[in-house]
Amino acid sequence: MNKLLIILLLFSVFADVYAAEANKEIEHLLGFVEDSGCTFERNGSTYDSREARSHIQRKYDYIKKRVKTAEDFIRYAATESSMSGRKYHATCEGRTITSEEWLTTELKRYRQQNP
């Protein structure tokens, strides 16, 4: 019985650490969007980086219970319109890419700098 309790306690501690790290990565990505100065295209309309962060934040707040990792955050809140299914795009310095590619690249860079 004691071994089971210890295992459950350790699992709980690791789960909390893992969740805290995911939250830190998500907050970084939200800040990255806002500070980017890029233009975002969503459902045929363009938005500045502050508006994009606000929209993504609202989506994230709505689906937060489903999000366990930064990859989930990108997939569920920052990749495409929930209503139309159309992909989001970011235009930075004249280059347009999907928000999924852009944020995944930034997440990899962030993880390399913050192991």
PDB file of N, CA and C in Angstrom:
ATOM      1  N   MET A   1       0.819  -1.197   0.000  1.00  0.00           N
ATOM      2  CA  MET A   1       0.000   0.000   0.000  1.00  0.00           C
ATOM      3  C   MET A   1       0.863   1.260   0.000  1.00  0.00           C
ATOM      4  N   ASN A   2       1.933   1.257   0.801  1.00  0.00           N
ATOM      5  CA  ASN A   2       2.814   2.417   0.872  1.00  0.00           C
ATOM      6  C   ASN A   2       3.513   2.675  -0.451  1.00  0.00           C
ATOM      7  N   LYS A   3       3.876   1.612  -1.144  1.00  0.00           N
ATOM      8  CA  LYS A   3       4.532   1.772  -2.442  1.00  0.00           C
ATOM      9  C   LYS A   3       3.592   2.441  -3.444  1.00  0.00           C
ATOM     10  N   LEU A   4       2.344   2.033  -3.423  1.00  0.00           N
ATOM     11  CA  LEU A   4       1.356   2.629  -4.318  1.00  0.00           C
ATOM     12  C   LEU A   4       1.171   4.112  -4.008  1.00  0.00           C
ATOM     13  N   LEU A   5       1.126   4.457  -2.766  1.00  0.00           N
ATOM     14  CA  LEU A   5       0.974   5.849  -2.346  1.00  0.00           C
ATOM     15  C   LEU A   5       2.173   6.679  -2.802  1.00  0.00           C
ATOM     16  N   ILE A   6       3.366   6.135  -2.655  1.00  0.00           N
ATOM     17  CA  ILE A   6       4.581   6.824  -3.091  1.00  0.00           C
ATOM     18  C   ILE A   6       4.565   7.020  -4.600  1.00  0.00           C
ATOM     19  N   ILE A   7       4.181   5.999  -5.332  1.00  0.00           N
ATOM     20  CA  ILE A   7       4.115   6.096  -6.795  1.00  0.00           C
ATOM     21  C   ILE A   7       3.109   7.161  -7.214  1.00  0.00           C
ATOM     22  N   LEU A   8       1.951   7.170  -6.577  1.00  0.00           N
ATOM     23  CA  LEU A   8       0.931   8.179  -6.912  1.00  0.00           C
ATOM     24  C   LEU A   8       1.413   9.581  -6.569  1.00  0.00           C
ATOM     25  N   LEU A   9       2.097   9.724  -5.468  1.00  0.00           N
ATOM     26  CA  LEU A   9       2.633  11.020  -5.073  1.00  0.00           C
ATOM     27  C   LEU A   9       3.682  11.499  -6.080  1.00  0.00           C
ATOM     28  N   LEU A  10       4.578  10.625  -6.471  1.00  0.00           N
ATOM     29  CA  LEU A  10       5.597  10.980  -7.463  1.00  0.00           C
ATOM     30  C   LEU A  10       4.957  11.349  -8.798  1.00  0.00           C
ATOM     31  N   PHE A  11       3.960  10.589  -9.195  1.00  0.00           N
ATOM     32  CA  PHE A  11       3.255  10.885 -10.446  1.00  0.00           C
ATOM     33  C   PHE A  11       2.626  12.272 -10.385  1.00  0.00           C
ATOM     34  N   SER A  12       2.029  12.582  -9.255  1.00  0.00           N
ATOM     35  CA  SER A  12       1.395  13.888  -9.069  1.00  0.00           C
ATOM     36  C   SER A  12       2.423  15.019  -9.166  1.00  0.00           C
ATOM     37  N   VAL A  13       3.563  14.843  -8.545  1.00  0.00           N
ATOM     38  CA  VAL A  13       4.620  15.854  -8.586  1.00  0.00           C
ATOM     39  C   VAL A  13       5.108  16.046 -10.012  1.00  0.00           C
ATOM     40  N   PHE A  14       5.378  14.958 -10.730  1.00  0.00           N
ATOM     41  CA  PHE A  14       5.843  15.066 -12.112  1.00  0.00           C
ATOM     42  C   PHE A  14       4.783  15.679 -13.014  1.00  0.00           C
ATOM     43  N   ALA A  15       3.524  15.351 -12.794  1.00  0.00           N
ATOM     44  CA  ALA A  15       2.437  15.920 -13.597  1.00  0.00           C
ATOM     45  C   ALA A  15       2.350  17.422 -13.379  1.00  0.00           C
ATOM     46  N   ASP A  16       2.512  17.866 -12.140  1.00  0.00           N
ATOM     47  CA  ASP A  16       2.486  19.298 -11.839  1.00  0.00           C
ATOM     48  C   ASP A  16       3.648  20.030 -12.497  1.00  0.00           C
ATOM     49  N   VAL A  17       4.832  19.444 -12.448  1.00  0.00           N
ATOM     50  CA  VAL A  17       6.008  20.046 -13.076  1.00  0.00           C
ATOM     51  C   VAL A  17       5.802  20.126 -14.589  1.00  0.00           C
ATOM     52  N   TYR A  18       5.294  19.063 -15.171  1.00  0.00           N
ATOM     53  CA  TYR A  18       5.046  19.019 -16.611  1.00  0.00           C
ATOM     54  C   TYR A  18       4.017  20.071 -17.018  1.00  0.00           C
ATOM     55  N   ALA A  19       2.943  20.199 -16.253  1.00  0.00           N
ATOM     56  CA  ALA A  19       1.901  21.196 -16.551  1.00  0.00           C
ATOM     57  C   ALA A  19       2.454  22.610 -16.418  1.00  0.00           C
ATOM     58  N   ALA A  20       3.276  22.846 -15.427  1.00  0.00           N
ATOM     59  CA  ALA A  20       3.868  24.179 -15.243  1.00  0.00           C
ATOM     60  C   ALA A  20       4.768  24.532 -16.416  1.00  0.00           C
ATOM     61  N   GLU A  21       5.517  23.564 -16.903  1.00  0.00           N
ATOM     62  CA  GLU A  21       6.395  23.809 -18.061  1.00  0.00           C
ATOM     63  C   GLU A  21       5.563  24.101 -19.304  1.00  0.00           C
ATOM     64  N   ALA A  22       4.494  23.353 -19.516  1.00  0.00           N
ATOM     65  CA  ALA A  22       3.619  23.606 -20.672  1.00  0.00           C
ATOM     66  C   ALA A  22       3.016  25.002 -20.582  1.00  0.00           C
ATOM     67  N   ASN A  23       2.581  25.403 -19.392  1.00  0.00           N
ATOM     68  CA  ASN A  23       2.018  26.744 -19.213  1.00  0.00           C
ATOM     69  C   ASN A  23       3.047  27.825 -19.524  1.00  0.00           C
ATOM     70  N   LYS A  24       4.277  27.601 -19.113  1.00  0.00           N
ATOM     71  CA  LYS A  24       5.349  28.556 -19.390  1.00  0.00           C
ATOM     72  C   LYS A  24       5.586  28.678 -20.896  1.00  0.00           C
ATOM     73  N   GLU A  25       5.582  27.556 -21.586  1.00  0.00           N
ATOM     74  CA  GLU A  25       5.775  27.576 -23.044  1.00  0.00           C
ATOM     75  C   GLU A  25       4.612  28.278 -23.742  1.00  0.00           C
ATOM     76  N   ILE A  26       3.399  28.017 -23.299  1.00  0.00           N
ATOM     77  CA  ILE A  26       2.215  28.644 -23.899  1.00  0.00           C
ATOM     78  C   ILE A  26       2.250  30.150 -23.674  1.00  0.00           C
ATOM     79  N   GLU A  27       2.580  30.579 -22.473  1.00  0.00           N
ATOM     80  CA  GLU A  27       2.687  32.020 -22.197  1.00  0.00           C
ATOM     81  C   GLU A  27       3.760  32.658 -23.071  1.00  0.00           C
ATOM     82  N   HIS A  28       4.859  31.935 -23.270  1.00  0.00           N
ATOM     83  CA  HIS A  28       5.899  32.452 -24.159  1.00  0.00           C
ATOM     84  C   HIS A  28       5.347  32.628 -25.578  1.00  0.00           C
ATOM     85  N   LEU A  29       4.635  31.630 -26.075  1.00  0.00           N
ATOM     86  CA  LEU A  29       4.097  31.709 -27.438  1.00  0.00           C
ATOM     87  C   LEU A  29       3.086  32.845 -27.573  1.00  0.00           C
ATOM     88  N   LEU A  30       2.250  33.042 -26.584  1.00  0.00           N
ATOM     89  CA  LEU A  30       1.297  34.155 -26.630  1.00  0.00           C
ATOM     90  C   LEU A  30       2.036  35.488 -26.662  1.00  0.00           C
ATOM     91  N   GLY A  31       3.060  35.633 -25.844  1.00  0.00           N
ATOM     92  CA  GLY A  31       3.874  36.850 -25.862  1.00  0.00           C
ATOM     93  C   GLY A  31       4.599  37.022 -27.175  1.00  0.00           C
ATOM     94  N   PHE A  32       5.080  35.929 -27.726  1.00  0.00           N
ATOM     95  CA  PHE A  32       5.771  35.953 -29.019  1.00  0.00           C
ATOM     96  C   PHE A  32       4.845  36.476 -30.111  1.00  0.00           C
ATOM     97  N   VAL A  33       3.617  36.001 -30.128  1.00  0.00           N
ATOM     98  CA  VAL A  33       2.638  36.470 -31.121  1.00  0.00           C
ATOM     99  C   VAL A  33       2.438  37.972 -30.963  1.00  0.00           C
ATOM    100  N   GLU A  34       2.174  38.401 -29.741  1.00  0.00           N
ATOM    101  CA  GLU A  34       1.871  39.814 -29.505  1.00  0.00           C
ATOM    102  C   GLU A  34       3.045  40.727 -29.844  1.00  0.00           C
ATOM    103  N   ASP A  35       4.251  40.311 -29.504  1.00  0.00           N
ATOM    104  CA  ASP A  35       5.432  41.145 -29.709  1.00  0.00           C
ATOM    105  C   ASP A  35       6.019  41.045 -31.108  1.00  0.00           C
ATOM    106  N   SER A  36       5.468  40.160 -31.929  1.00  0.00           N
ATOM    107  CA  SER A  36       6.064  39.894 -33.243  1.00  0.00           C
ATOM    108  C   SER A  36       5.959  41.062 -34.222  1.00  0.00           C
ATOM    109  N   GLY A  37       4.901  41.840 -34.122  1.00  0.00           N
ATOM    110  CA  GLY A  37       4.677  42.896 -35.106  1.00  0.00           C
ATOM    111  C   GLY A  37       4.222  42.349 -36.445  1.00  0.00           C
ATOM    112  N   CYS A  38       3.909  41.077 -36.502  1.00  0.00           N
ATOM    113  CA  CYS A  38       3.472  40.444 -37.743  1.00  0.00           C
ATOM    114  C   CYS A  38       1.986  40.722 -37.986  1.00  0.00           C
ATOM    115  N   THR A  39       1.565  40.500 -39.210  1.00  0.00           N
ATOM    116  CA  THR A  39       0.169  40.605 -39.583  1.00  0.00           C
ATOM    117  C   THR A  39      -0.404  39.196 -39.650  1.00  0.00           C
ATOM    118  N   PHE A  40      -1.612  39.007 -39.147  1.00  0.00           N
ATOM    119  CA  PHE A  40      -2.244  37.699 -39.128  1.00  0.00           C
ATOM    120  C   PHE A  40      -3.480  37.699 -39.992  1.00  0.00           C
ATOM    121  N   GLU A  41      -3.626  36.619 -40.738  1.00  0.00           N
ATOM    122  CA  GLU A  41      -4.799  36.451 -41.595  1.00  0.00           C
ATOM    123  C   GLU A  41      -5.644  35.346 -41.000  1.00  0.00           C
ATOM    124  N   ARG A  42      -6.912  35.697 -40.780  1.00  0.00           N
ATOM    125  CA  ARG A  42      -7.861  34.741 -40.222  1.00  0.00           C
ATOM    126  C   ARG A  42      -9.180  34.912 -40.956  1.00  0.00           C
ATOM    127  N   ASN A  43      -9.631  33.859 -41.634  1.00  0.00           N
ATOM    128  CA  ASN A  43     -10.891  33.880 -42.379  1.00  0.00           C
ATOM    129  C   ASN A  43     -10.964  35.036 -43.367  1.00  0.00           C
ATOM    130  N   GLY A  44      -9.837  35.306 -44.040  1.00  0.00           N
ATOM    131  CA  GLY A  44      -9.810  36.322 -45.091  1.00  0.00           C
ATOM    132  C   GLY A  44      -9.608  37.743 -44.611  1.00  0.00           C
ATOM    133  N   SER A  45      -9.536  37.964 -43.304  1.00  0.00           N
ATOM    134  CA  SER A  45      -9.295  39.303 -42.762  1.00  0.00           C
ATOM    135  C   SER A  45      -7.936  39.334 -42.084  1.00  0.00           C
ATOM    136  N   THR A  46      -7.329  40.520 -42.046  1.00  0.00           N
ATOM    137  CA  THR A  46      -6.024  40.650 -41.410  1.00  0.00           C
ATOM    138  C   THR A  46      -6.146  41.388 -40.080  1.00  0.00           C
ATOM    139  N   TYR A  47      -5.236  41.040 -39.181  1.00  0.00           N
ATOM    140  CA  TYR A  47      -5.223  41.588 -37.829  1.00  0.00           C
ATOM    141  C   TYR A  47      -3.782  41.859 -37.421  1.00  0.00           C
ATOM    142  N   ASP A  48      -3.604  42.861 -36.545  1.00  0.00           N
ATOM    143  CA  ASP A  48      -2.255  43.096 -36.047  1.00  0.00           C
ATOM    144  C   ASP A  48      -1.928  42.057 -34.966  1.00  0.00           C
ATOM    145  N   SER A  49      -0.699  42.075 -34.507  1.00  0.00           N
ATOM    146  CA  SER A  49      -0.236  41.038 -33.585  1.00  0.00           C
ATOM    147  C   SER A  49      -0.946  41.097 -32.230  1.00  0.00           C
ATOM    148  N   ARG A  50      -1.325  42.266 -31.771  1.00  0.00           N
ATOM    149  CA  ARG A  50      -2.061  42.366 -30.505  1.00  0.00           C
ATOM    150  C   ARG A  50      -3.453  41.751 -30.637  1.00  0.00           C
ATOM    151  N   GLU A  51      -4.124  42.021 -31.757  1.00  0.00           N
ATOM    152  CA  GLU A  51      -5.450  41.437 -31.989  1.00  0.00           C
ATOM    153  C   GLU A  51      -5.344  39.923 -32.136  1.00  0.00           C
ATOM    154  N   ALA A  52      -4.279  39.468 -32.786  1.00  0.00           N
ATOM    155  CA  ALA A  52      -4.075  38.027 -32.956  1.00  0.00           C
ATOM    156  C   ALA A  52      -3.888  37.352 -31.614  1.00  0.00           C
ATOM    157  N   ARG A  53      -3.066  37.948 -30.760  1.00  0.00           N
ATOM    158  CA  ARG A  53      -2.863  37.366 -29.428  1.00  0.00           C
ATOM    159  C   ARG A  53      -4.187  37.306 -28.672  1.00  0.00           C
ATOM    160  N   SER A  54      -4.958  38.376 -28.732  1.00  0.00           N
ATOM    161  CA  SER A  54      -6.232  38.437 -28.032  1.00  0.00           C
ATOM    162  C   SER A  54      -7.172  37.327 -28.499  1.00  0.00           C
ATOM    163  N   HIS A  55      -7.245  37.130 -29.810  1.00  0.00           N
ATOM    164  CA  HIS A  55      -8.111  36.079 -30.360  1.00  0.00           C
ATOM    165  C   HIS A  55      -7.633  34.691 -29.920  1.00  0.00           C
ATOM    166  N   ILE A  56      -6.340  34.449 -30.048  1.00  0.00           N
ATOM    167  CA  ILE A  56      -5.784  33.147 -29.671  1.00  0.00           C
ATOM    168  C   ILE A  56      -5.964  32.913 -28.169  1.00  0.00           C
ATOM    169  N   GLN A  57      -5.786  33.950 -27.378  1.00  0.00           N
ATOM    170  CA  GLN A  57      -5.984  33.837 -25.934  1.00  0.00           C
ATOM    171  C   GLN A  57      -7.425  33.455 -25.610  1.00  0.00           C
ATOM    172  N   ARG A  58      -8.386  34.075 -26.284  1.00  0.00           N
ATOM    173  CA  ARG A  58      -9.798  33.727 -26.042  1.00  0.00           C
ATOM    174  C   ARG A  58     -10.071  32.272 -26.405  1.00  0.00           C
ATOM    175  N   LYS A  59      -9.535  31.826 -27.542  1.00  0.00           N
ATOM    176  CA  LYS A  59      -9.718  30.416 -27.922  1.00  0.00           C
ATOM    177  C   LYS A  59      -9.078  29.494 -26.896  1.00  0.00           C
ATOM    178  N   TYR A  60      -7.889  29.855 -26.459  1.00  0.00           N
ATOM    179  CA  TYR A  60      -7.188  29.038 -25.473  1.00  0.00           C
ATOM    180  C   TYR A  60      -7.973  28.967 -24.166  1.00  0.00           C
ATOM    181  N   ASP A  61      -8.470  30.104 -23.706  1.00  0.00           N
ATOM    182  CA  ASP A  61      -9.253  30.115 -22.467  1.00  0.00           C
ATOM    183  C   ASP A  61     -10.474  29.207 -22.579  1.00  0.00           C
ATOM    184  N   TYR A  62     -11.057  29.150 -23.765  1.00  0.00           N
ATOM    185  CA  TYR A  62     -12.256  28.330 -23.987  1.00  0.00           C
ATOM    186  C   TYR A  62     -11.938  26.833 -23.980  1.00  0.00           C
ATOM    187  N   ILE A  63     -10.776  26.460 -24.518  1.00  0.00           N
ATOM    188  CA  ILE A  63     -10.452  25.033 -24.675  1.00  0.00           C
ATOM    189  C   ILE A  63      -9.347  24.564 -23.721  1.00  0.00           C
ATOM    190  N   LYS A  64      -9.006  25.368 -22.761  1.00  0.00           N
ATOM    191  CA  LYS A  64      -7.865  25.114 -21.878  1.00  0.00           C
ATOM    192  C   LYS A  64      -7.849  23.714 -21.269  1.00  0.00           C
ATOM    193  N   LYS A  65      -9.002  23.174 -20.945  1.00  0.00           N
ATOM    194  CA  LYS A  65      -9.052  21.848 -20.309  1.00  0.00           C
ATOM    195  C   LYS A  65      -8.528  20.743 -21.221  1.00  0.00           C
ATOM    196  N   ARG A  66      -8.629  20.943 -22.534  1.00  0.00           N
ATOM    197  CA  ARG A  66      -8.127  19.940 -23.489  1.00  0.00           C
ATOM    198  C   ARG A  66      -6.634  20.064 -23.738  1.00  0.00           C
ATOM    199  N   VAL A  67      -6.043  21.166 -23.357  1.00  0.00           N
ATOM    200  CA  VAL A  67      -4.642  21.457 -23.677  1.00  0.00           C
ATOM    201  C   VAL A  67      -3.730  20.929 -22.577  1.00  0.00           C
ATOM    202  N   LYS A  68      -2.866  20.008 -22.950  1.00  0.00           N
ATOM    203  CA  LYS A  68      -1.907  19.437 -22.005  1.00  0.00           C
ATOM    204  C   LYS A  68      -0.477  19.850 -22.329  1.00  0.00           C
ATOM    205  N   THR A  69      -0.225  20.221 -23.588  1.00  0.00           N
ATOM    206  CA  THR A  69       1.126  20.572 -24.033  1.00  0.00           C
ATOM    207  C   THR A  69       1.067  21.833 -24.894  1.00  0.00           C
ATOM    208  N   ALA A  70       2.244  22.405 -25.139  1.00  0.00           N
ATOM    209  CA  ALA A  70       2.311  23.565 -26.037  1.00  0.00           C
ATOM    210  C   ALA A  70       1.896  23.165 -27.455  1.00  0.00           C
ATOM    211  N   GLU A  71       2.175  21.934 -27.827  1.00  0.00           N
ATOM    212  CA  GLU A  71       1.741  21.457 -29.146  1.00  0.00           C
ATOM    213  C   GLU A  71       0.222  21.415 -29.234  1.00  0.00           C
ATOM    214  N   ASP A  72      -0.445  20.993 -28.159  1.00  0.00           N
ATOM    215  CA  ASP A  72      -1.909  21.025 -28.119  1.00  0.00           C
ATOM    216  C   ASP A  72      -2.409  22.456 -28.274  1.00  0.00           C
ATOM    217  N   PHE A  73      -1.766  23.382 -27.574  1.00  0.00           N
ATOM    218  CA  PHE A  73      -2.139  24.787 -27.678  1.00  0.00           C
ATOM    219  C   PHE A  73      -2.076  25.260 -29.134  1.00  0.00           C
ATOM    220  N   ILE A  74      -0.973  24.963 -29.801  1.00  0.00           N
ATOM    221  CA  ILE A  74      -0.830  25.370 -31.203  1.00  0.00           C
ATOM    222  C   ILE A  74      -1.924  24.717 -32.042  1.00  0.00           C
ATOM    223  N   ARG A  75      -2.121  23.434 -31.870  1.00  0.00           N
ATOM    224  CA  ARG A  75      -3.084  22.678 -32.670  1.00  0.00           C
ATOM    225  C   ARG A  75      -4.517  23.169 -32.464  1.00  0.00           C
ATOM    226  N   TYR A  76      -4.921  23.361 -31.229  1.00  0.00           N
ATOM    227  CA  TYR A  76      -6.325  23.658 -30.936  1.00  0.00           C
ATOM    228  C   TYR A  76      -6.672  25.144 -30.903  1.00  0.00           C
ATOM    229  N   ALA A  77      -5.690  26.008 -30.609  1.00  0.00           N
ATOM    230  CA  ALA A  77      -6.009  27.429 -30.446  1.00  0.00           C
ATOM    231  C   ALA A  77      -5.391  28.330 -31.497  1.00  0.00           C
ATOM    232  N   ALA A  78      -4.327  27.900 -32.164  1.00  0.00           N
ATOM    233  CA  ALA A  78      -3.576  28.848 -32.990  1.00  0.00           C
ATOM    234  C   ALA A  78      -3.315  28.391 -34.417  1.00  0.00           C
ATOM    235  N   THR A  79      -4.027  27.381 -34.890  1.00  0.00           N
ATOM    236  CA  THR A  79      -3.742  26.828 -36.212  1.00  0.00           C
ATOM    237  C   THR A  79      -4.793  27.162 -37.259  1.00  0.00           C
ATOM    238  N   GLU A  80      -6.055  27.077 -36.874  1.00  0.00           N
ATOM    239  CA  GLU A  80      -7.119  27.274 -37.855  1.00  0.00           C
ATOM    240  C   GLU A  80      -8.402  27.721 -37.180  1.00  0.00           C
ATOM    241  N   SER A  81      -9.293  28.236 -37.999  1.00  0.00           N
ATOM    242  CA  SER A  81     -10.594  28.678 -37.511  1.00  0.00           C
ATOM    243  C   SER A  81     -11.433  27.472 -37.106  1.00  0.00           C
ATOM    244  N   SER A  82     -11.999  27.534 -35.930  1.00  0.00           N
ATOM    245  CA  SER A  82     -12.884  26.463 -35.477  1.00  0.00           C
ATOM    246  C   SER A  82     -14.174  26.428 -36.285  1.00  0.00           C
ATOM    247  N   MET A  83     -14.559  27.571 -36.817  1.00  0.00           N
ATOM    248  CA  MET A  83     -15.818  27.656 -37.552  1.00  0.00           C
ATOM    249  C   MET A  83     -15.659  27.286 -39.023  1.00  0.00           C
ATOM    250  N   SER A  84     -14.670  27.869 -39.699  1.00  0.00           N
ATOM    251  CA  SER A  84     -14.528  27.641 -41.138  1.00  0.00           C
ATOM    252  C   SER A  84     -13.532  26.540 -41.478  1.00  0.00           C
ATOM    253  N   GLY A  85     -12.615  26.247 -40.546  1.00  0.00           N
ATOM    254  CA  GLY A  85     -11.566  25.266 -40.815  1.00  0.00           C
ATOM    255  C   GLY A  85     -10.404  25.835 -41.618  1.00  0.00           C
ATOM    256  N   ARG A  86     -10.461  27.130 -41.947  1.00  0.00           N
ATOM    257  CA  ARG A  86      -9.388  27.760 -42.720  1.00  0.00           C
ATOM    258  C   ARG A  86      -8.173  28.003 -41.830  1.00  0.00           C
ATOM    259  N   LYS A  87      -6.997  27.756 -42.414  1.00  0.00           N
ATOM    260  CA  LYS A  87      -5.736  27.922 -41.686  1.00  0.00           C
ATOM    261  C   LYS A  87      -5.473  29.391 -41.389  1.00  0.00           C
ATOM    262  N   TYR A  88      -4.826  29.642 -40.251  1.00  0.00           N
ATOM    263  CA  TYR A  88      -4.327  30.967 -39.921  1.00  0.00           C
ATOM    264  C   TYR A  88      -2.948  31.127 -40.563  1.00  0.00           C
ATOM    265  N   HIS A  89      -2.634  32.354 -40.961  1.00  0.00           N
ATOM    266  CA  HIS A  89      -1.326  32.655 -41.539  1.00  0.00           C
ATOM    267  C   HIS A  89      -0.729  33.868 -40.851  1.00  0.00           C
ATOM    268  N   ALA A  90       0.586  33.892 -40.796  1.00  0.00           N
ATOM    269  CA  ALA A  90       1.319  35.041 -40.273  1.00  0.00           C
ATOM    270  C   ALA A  90       2.194  35.579 -41.395  1.00  0.00           C
ATOM    271  N   THR A  91       2.210  36.902 -41.531  1.00  0.00           N
ATOM    272  CA  THR A  91       3.103  37.548 -42.484  1.00  0.00           C
ATOM    273  C   THR A  91       4.080  38.403 -41.693  1.00  0.00           C
ATOM    274  N   CYS A  92       5.345  38.011 -41.775  1.00  0.00           N
ATOM    275  CA  CYS A  92       6.412  38.692 -41.049  1.00  0.00           C
ATOM    276  C   CYS A  92       7.514  39.042 -42.043  1.00  0.00           C
ATOM    277  N   GLU A  93       7.843  40.317 -42.107  1.00  0.00           N
ATOM    278  CA  GLU A  93       8.915  40.782 -42.995  1.00  0.00           C
ATOM    279  C   GLU A  93       8.693  40.296 -44.422  1.00  0.00           C
ATOM    280  N   GLY A  94       7.456  40.354 -44.886  1.00  0.00           N
ATOM    281  CA  GLY A  94       7.132  40.007 -46.262  1.00  0.00           C
ATOM    282  C   GLY A  94       6.987  38.523 -46.550  1.00  0.00           C
ATOM    283  N   ARG A  95       7.185  37.682 -45.571  1.00  0.00           N
ATOM    284  CA  ARG A  95       7.079  36.231 -45.752  1.00  0.00           C
ATOM    285  C   ARG A  95       5.831  35.724 -45.047  1.00  0.00           C
ATOM    286  N   THR A  96       4.984  34.976 -45.769  1.00  0.00           N
ATOM    287  CA  THR A  96       3.753  34.439 -45.205  1.00  0.00           C
ATOM    288  C   THR A  96       3.879  32.931 -45.023  1.00  0.00           C
ATOM    289  N   ILE A  97       3.575  32.477 -43.809  1.00  0.00           N
ATOM    290  CA  ILE A  97       3.581  31.041 -43.501  1.00  0.00           C
ATOM    291  C   ILE A  97       2.377  30.738 -42.623  1.00  0.00           C
ATOM    292  N   THR A  98       2.059  29.457 -42.501  1.00  0.00           N
ATOM    293  CA  THR A  98       0.960  29.089 -41.606  1.00  0.00           C
ATOM    294  C   THR A  98       1.380  29.391 -40.173  1.00  0.00           C
ATOM    295  N   SER A  99       0.415  29.736 -39.352  1.00  0.00           N
ATOM    296  CA  SER A  99       0.728  29.997 -37.949  1.00  0.00           C
ATOM    297  C   SER A  99       1.244  28.730 -37.267  1.00  0.00           C
ATOM    298  N   GLU A 100       0.770  27.582 -37.723  1.00  0.00           N
ATOM    299  CA  GLU A 100       1.241  26.323 -37.145  1.00  0.00           C
ATOM    300  C   GLU A 100       2.757  26.176 -37.342  1.00  0.00           C
ATOM    301  N   GLU A 101       3.218  26.403 -38.562  1.00  0.00           N
ATOM    302  CA  GLU A 101       4.653  26.294 -38.858  1.00  0.00           C
ATOM    303  C   GLU A 101       5.436  27.351 -38.070  1.00  0.00           C
ATOM    304  N   TRP A 102       4.923  28.569 -38.060  1.00  0.00           N
ATOM    305  CA  TRP A 102       5.595  29.682 -37.408  1.00  0.00           C
ATOM    306  C   TRP A 102       5.747  29.440 -35.902  1.00  0.00           C
ATOM    307  N   LEU A 103       4.657  29.030 -35.254  1.00  0.00           N
ATOM    308  CA  LEU A 103       4.699  28.822 -33.806  1.00  0.00           C
ATOM    309  C   LEU A 103       5.455  27.557 -33.418  1.00  0.00           C
ATOM    310  N   THR A 104       5.374  26.526 -34.237  1.00  0.00           N
ATOM    311  CA  THR A 104       6.133  25.300 -33.960  1.00  0.00           C
ATOM    312  C   THR A 104       7.626  25.572 -34.046  1.00  0.00           C
ATOM    313  N   THR A 105       8.032  26.367 -35.018  1.00  0.00           N
ATOM    314  CA  THR A 105       9.444  26.750 -35.146  1.00  0.00           C
ATOM    315  C   THR A 105       9.891  27.543 -33.926  1.00  0.00           C
ATOM    316  N   GLU A 106       9.060  28.483 -33.487  1.00  0.00           N
ATOM    317  CA  GLU A 106       9.395  29.275 -32.299  1.00  0.00           C
ATOM    318  C   GLU A 106       9.446  28.402 -31.047  1.00  0.00           C
ATOM    319  N   LEU A 107       8.535  27.453 -30.922  1.00  0.00           N
ATOM    320  CA  LEU A 107       8.547  26.552 -29.772  1.00  0.00           C
ATOM    321  C   LEU A 107       9.837  25.744 -29.747  1.00  0.00           C
ATOM    322  N   LYS A 108      10.287  25.239 -30.878  1.00  0.00           N
ATOM    323  CA  LYS A 108      11.553  24.492 -30.936  1.00  0.00           C
ATOM    324  C   LYS A 108      12.727  25.381 -30.532  1.00  0.00           C
ATOM    325  N   ARG A 109      12.733  26.629 -31.027  1.00  0.00           N
ATOM    326  CA  ARG A 109      13.807  27.565 -30.683  1.00  0.00           C
ATOM    327  C   ARG A 109      13.803  27.845 -29.179  1.00  0.00           C
ATOM    328  N   TYR A 110      12.617  28.071 -28.628  1.00  0.00           N
ATOM    329  CA  TYR A 110      12.476  28.349 -27.197  1.00  0.00           C
ATOM    330  C   TYR A 110      12.982  27.163 -26.364  1.00  0.00           C
ATOM    331  N   ARG A 111      12.628  25.971 -26.751  1.00  0.00           N
ATOM    332  CA  ARG A 111      13.051  24.781 -26.003  1.00  0.00           C
ATOM    333  C   ARG A 111      14.573  24.581 -26.066  1.00  0.00           C
ATOM    334  N   GLN A 112      15.157  24.904 -27.193  1.00  0.00           N
ATOM    335  CA  GLN A 112      16.610  24.779 -27.308  1.00  0.00           C
ATOM    336  C   GLN A 112      17.318  25.764 -26.379  1.00  0.00           C
ATOM    337  N   GLN A 113      16.742  26.949 -26.217  1.00  0.00           N
ATOM    338  CA  GLN A 113      17.345  27.971 -25.371  1.00  0.00           C
ATOM    339  C   GLN A 113      16.977  27.806 -23.901  1.00  0.00           C
ATOM    340  N   ASN A 114      15.955  26.996 -23.616  1.00  0.00           N
ATOM    341  CA  ASN A 114      15.477  26.787 -22.255  1.00  0.00           C
ATOM    342  C   ASN A 114      15.282  25.301 -21.970  1.00  0.00           C
ATOM    343  N   PRO A 115      16.397  24.558 -21.969  1.00  0.00           N
ATOM    344  CA  PRO A 115      16.251  23.100 -21.797  1.00  0.00           C
ATOM    345  C   PRO A 115      15.754  22.710 -20.415  1.00  0.00           C
TER     346      PRO A 115
END
